Amino acid sequence: MTSRVLVVDDDKAVRTAIKIVLEHNGFDVVLAPDGPSAIQAVETDEFSLIIVDIFMPGMDGLETIRTFKRRAPTVPVIAISGFMFRDSGKPAPDFLSMATKLGAAQSLAKPFRPKDLLRAVECCLADASGTRVASSKASGA
């Protein structure tokens, strides 16, 4: 059975790049440009995994993750973010760490390499199915 992955990011280029990598590696990918669209997709379809950007206009990724964990608690979530603070004089909140505390199984800082994305996806799917990934190498990377 092909794993179905929901990719949620307000940046069309990021969504498309992730879709290309995942489809090239045998995944069925559904795209959503924002939190509300993603919530609607989760209510009408089943997914093996959800990848969600932290910083999106309107409903941010942290709120989206909280909603996913209420509506589809067994579906693993990977949080992604490329947000950087311009004022380096102040400590920056670790939003990816916050996302894992809210229930994200993995997190990736943008930009990430395709093999890192595939490794995170494979680890989440293995954990969700109760199996462990035998190798840390991602297939096709």
Protein backbone atom coordinates (compact mmCIF):
# COMPACT_ATOMS: atom_id res chain seq x y z
CA MET A 1 0.00 0.00 0.00
CA THR A 2 1.31 3.44 -0.94
CA SER A 3 1.72 5.89 1.92
CA ARG A 4 -0.34 9.05 1.50
CA VAL A 5 1.38 12.26 2.69
CA LEU A 6 -0.25 15.65 3.26
CA VAL A 7 2.15 18.57 2.72
CA VAL A 8 1.09 21.90 4.24
CA ASP A 9 3.12 25.00 3.36
CA ASP A 10 2.14 28.48 2.19
CA ASP A 11 5.15 28.57 -0.17
CA LYS A 12 4.16 26.91 -3.46
CA ALA A 13 7.81 26.26 -4.39
CA VAL A 14 8.42 24.40 -1.12
CA ARG A 15 5.22 22.35 -1.52
CA THR A 16 6.16 21.45 -5.08
CA ALA A 17 9.76 20.51 -4.20
CA ILE A 18 8.61 18.23 -1.37
CA LYS A 19 5.98 16.68 -3.64
CA ILE A 20 8.57 15.92 -6.34
CA VAL A 21 10.95 14.27 -3.85
CA LEU A 22 8.22 12.19 -2.23
CA GLU A 23 6.48 11.13 -5.45
CA HIS A 24 9.86 10.16 -6.94
CA ASN A 25 10.23 7.84 -3.94
CA GLY A 26 6.81 6.21 -4.31
CA PHE A 27 4.60 8.31 -2.04
CA ASP A 28 1.13 9.60 -2.87
CA VAL A 29 1.17 13.35 -2.07
CA VAL A 30 -1.65 15.81 -1.38
CA LEU A 31 -0.85 19.53 -1.10
CA ALA A 32 -2.48 22.19 1.07
CA PRO A 33 -1.52 25.90 1.05
CA ASP A 34 -2.65 26.66 4.60
CA GLY A 35 -3.92 25.26 7.90
CA PRO A 36 -7.66 25.42 7.19
CA SER A 37 -7.24 23.60 3.84
CA ALA A 38 -5.12 20.96 5.58
CA ILE A 39 -7.70 20.46 8.36
CA GLN A 40 -10.40 20.00 5.71
CA ALA A 41 -8.20 17.44 3.90
CA VAL A 42 -7.68 15.48 7.14
CA GLU A 43 -11.44 15.44 7.75
CA THR A 44 -12.21 14.05 4.29
CA ASP A 45 -9.23 11.77 3.58
CA GLU A 46 -6.80 9.47 5.38
CA PHE A 47 -3.08 10.14 5.53
CA SER A 48 -0.07 8.12 6.67
CA LEU A 49 1.90 11.28 7.47
CA ILE A 50 1.53 15.06 7.57
CA ILE A 51 4.32 17.58 6.88
CA VAL A 52 3.49 21.09 8.09
CA ASP A 53 5.30 24.42 7.95
CA ILE A 54 5.39 26.34 11.22
CA PHE A 55 5.07 29.87 9.81
CA MET A 56 2.03 30.42 7.61
CA PRO A 57 -0.35 33.38 7.47
CA GLY A 58 -3.63 32.99 9.31
CA MET A 59 -3.61 29.63 11.07
CA ASP A 60 0.05 28.97 11.89
CA GLY A 61 1.69 25.56 11.93
CA LEU A 62 1.66 25.19 15.71
CA GLU A 63 -2.12 25.69 15.80
CA THR A 64 -2.47 23.37 12.81
CA ILE A 65 -0.43 20.65 14.57
CA ARG A 66 -2.61 20.97 17.71
CA THR A 67 -5.71 20.49 15.56
CA PHE A 68 -4.19 17.50 13.73
CA LYS A 69 -3.34 15.84 17.04
CA ARG A 70 -6.97 16.20 18.17
CA ARG A 71 -8.53 15.03 14.90
CA ALA A 72 -6.00 12.42 13.73
CA PRO A 73 -3.93 11.57 16.83
CA THR A 74 -2.23 8.49 15.34
CA VAL A 75 -0.97 10.23 12.19
CA PRO A 76 2.67 11.32 12.60
CA VAL A 77 3.55 14.95 11.87
CA ILE A 78 6.83 16.42 10.64
CA ALA A 79 7.22 20.13 11.40
CA ILE A 80 9.34 22.22 9.01
CA SER A 81 10.52 25.80 9.31
CA GLY A 82 12.97 28.18 7.73
CA PHE A 83 12.16 31.15 9.95
CA MET A 84 15.12 33.13 11.28
CA PHE A 85 15.10 36.17 13.53
CA ARG A 86 16.86 39.25 12.14
CA ASP A 87 17.75 40.60 15.59
CA SER A 88 20.42 38.14 16.66
CA GLY A 89 20.99 40.03 19.92
CA LYS A 90 17.98 38.36 21.52
CA PRO A 91 17.50 34.63 22.07
CA ALA A 92 15.14 33.21 19.47
CA PRO A 93 12.35 30.85 20.48
CA ASP A 94 12.89 27.31 19.20
CA PHE A 95 9.68 26.85 17.25
CA LEU A 96 10.63 23.39 15.96
CA SER A 97 11.14 22.24 19.53
CA MET A 98 7.74 23.72 20.42
CA ALA A 99 6.23 21.76 17.55
CA THR A 100 7.62 18.48 18.89
CA LYS A 101 6.21 19.30 22.31
CA LEU A 102 2.82 19.75 20.65
CA GLY A 103 3.08 16.30 19.08
CA ALA A 104 5.23 16.54 15.95
CA ALA A 105 7.24 13.32 15.64
CA GLN A 106 10.12 14.96 13.75
CA SER A 107 11.24 18.43 12.74
CA LEU A 108 13.39 19.77 9.92
CA ALA A 109 14.94 23.21 9.46
CA LYS A 110 14.68 24.64 5.95
CA PRO A 111 16.47 24.33 3.71
CA PHE A 112 16.84 20.58 4.12
CA ARG A 113 18.27 17.99 1.79
CA PRO A 114 16.01 15.46 0.07
CA LYS A 115 17.75 12.60 1.89
CA ASP A 116 17.03 14.28 5.26
CA LEU A 117 13.36 14.65 4.33
CA LEU A 118 13.17 11.01 3.26
CA ARG A 119 14.92 9.83 6.43
CA ALA A 120 12.44 11.76 8.60
CA VAL A 121 9.47 10.42 6.58
CA GLU A 122 10.72 6.83 6.78
CA CYS A 123 11.37 7.09 10.53
CA CYS A 124 7.89 8.48 11.19
CA LEU A 125 6.20 5.82 9.09
CA ALA A 126 8.27 3.04 10.70
CA ASP A 127 7.44 4.29 14.20
CA ALA A 128 3.75 4.60 13.31
CA SER A 129 3.66 1.02 12.01
CA GLY A 130 5.64 -0.32 14.95
CA THR A 131 8.70 -1.25 12.91
CA ARG A 132 12.13 0.34 13.02
CA VAL A 133 14.07 1.54 10.01
CA ALA A 134 16.96 -0.90 9.58
CA SER A 135 19.25 1.65 7.97
CA SER A 136 19.55 5.39 8.36
CA LYS A 137 20.00 5.66 4.60
CA ALA A 138 16.97 6.98 2.79
CA SER A 139 16.11 5.15 -0.38
CA GLY A 140 16.76 7.01 -3.58
CA ALA A 141 18.68 9.82 -1.90
